[in-house]
Amino acid sequence: MDTFKAQAKATSTPTLIVLLIIDVVMLMLAASLLFTGPSTQYAYGWFGAILFGFATLYTIALFVSRYKQSLA
């Protein structure tokens, strides 16, 4: 937990916002592959959605942790 807080403190807020935007865009692109891609690429869509879903959640957690640290 200490390393997570240190990482949140070391990363600037604009960097976290840019990473969050990139993560959400990549998540939407991976999810769109599930609906619009050929059936042979469903595995790529699931893999991408899971990977970028976790990346989005992690970036949100960093952003919230940084926000809480700035309030304290």
Protein backbone atom coordinates (compact mmCIF):
# COMPACT_ATOMS: atom_id res chain seq x y z
CA MET A 1 0.00 0.00 0.00
CA ASP A 2 2.89 2.34 0.68
CA THR A 3 4.27 1.87 -2.83
CA PHE A 4 0.82 2.59 -4.27
CA LYS A 5 0.62 5.85 -2.32
CA ALA A 6 4.16 6.74 -3.37
CA GLN A 7 3.29 6.07 -7.01
CA ALA A 8 0.16 8.23 -6.74
CA LYS A 9 2.20 11.02 -5.15
CA ALA A 10 4.96 10.82 -7.77
CA THR A 11 2.60 10.95 -10.75
CA SER A 12 1.28 14.38 -11.68
CA THR A 13 -2.43 15.03 -12.06
CA PRO A 14 -2.23 15.97 -15.79
CA THR A 15 -0.37 12.73 -16.45
CA LEU A 16 -3.06 10.73 -14.68
CA ILE A 17 -5.79 12.49 -16.66
CA VAL A 18 -4.04 11.74 -19.97
CA LEU A 19 -3.51 8.10 -18.95
CA LEU A 20 -7.17 7.82 -17.96
CA ILE A 21 -8.30 9.19 -21.32
CA ILE A 22 -6.01 6.78 -23.17
CA ASP A 23 -7.21 3.85 -21.05
CA VAL A 24 -10.88 4.63 -21.67
CA VAL A 25 -10.35 5.05 -25.42
CA MET A 26 -8.45 1.78 -25.67
CA LEU A 27 -11.13 0.04 -23.58
CA MET A 28 -13.83 1.29 -25.95
CA LEU A 29 -11.84 0.18 -28.99
CA ALA A 30 -11.30 -3.28 -27.53
CA ALA A 31 -14.97 -3.55 -26.59
CA SER A 32 -16.02 -2.45 -30.07
CA LEU A 33 -14.02 -5.34 -31.51
CA LEU A 34 -16.38 -7.67 -29.68
CA PHE A 35 -19.37 -6.23 -31.53
CA THR A 36 -18.00 -5.26 -34.93
CA GLY A 37 -15.05 -7.57 -35.46
CA PRO A 38 -15.08 -10.94 -37.18
CA SER A 39 -15.82 -13.94 -35.01
CA THR A 40 -12.20 -15.08 -35.24
CA GLN A 41 -11.10 -12.00 -33.27
CA TYR A 42 -13.44 -12.27 -30.28
CA ALA A 43 -10.55 -13.48 -28.10
CA TYR A 44 -8.61 -10.30 -28.87
CA GLY A 45 -11.64 -8.22 -27.93
CA TRP A 46 -12.08 -10.03 -24.60
CA PHE A 47 -8.37 -9.83 -23.83
CA GLY A 48 -8.24 -6.13 -24.65
CA ALA A 49 -11.40 -5.34 -22.71
CA ILE A 50 -10.11 -7.13 -19.62
CA LEU A 51 -6.61 -5.66 -19.89
CA PHE A 52 -7.69 -2.07 -20.46
CA GLY A 53 -10.55 -2.43 -18.00
CA PHE A 54 -8.07 -3.23 -15.24
CA ALA A 55 -5.76 -0.44 -16.45
CA THR A 56 -8.66 2.01 -16.29
CA LEU A 57 -9.58 0.91 -12.78
CA TYR A 58 -5.95 1.19 -11.63
CA THR A 59 -5.61 4.68 -13.08
CA ILE A 60 -8.85 5.75 -11.40
CA ALA A 61 -7.55 4.36 -8.09
CA LEU A 62 -4.31 6.34 -8.52
CA PHE A 63 -6.28 9.48 -9.33
CA VAL A 64 -8.51 9.07 -6.26
CA SER A 65 -5.51 8.35 -4.03
CA ARG A 66 -3.74 11.45 -5.34
CA TYR A 67 -6.86 13.53 -4.74
CA LYS A 68 -7.18 12.25 -1.16
CA GLN A 69 -3.50 13.02 -0.52
CA SER A 70 -3.96 16.58 -1.77
CA LEU A 71 -6.89 17.09 0.61
CA ALA A 72 -4.94 15.87 3.63
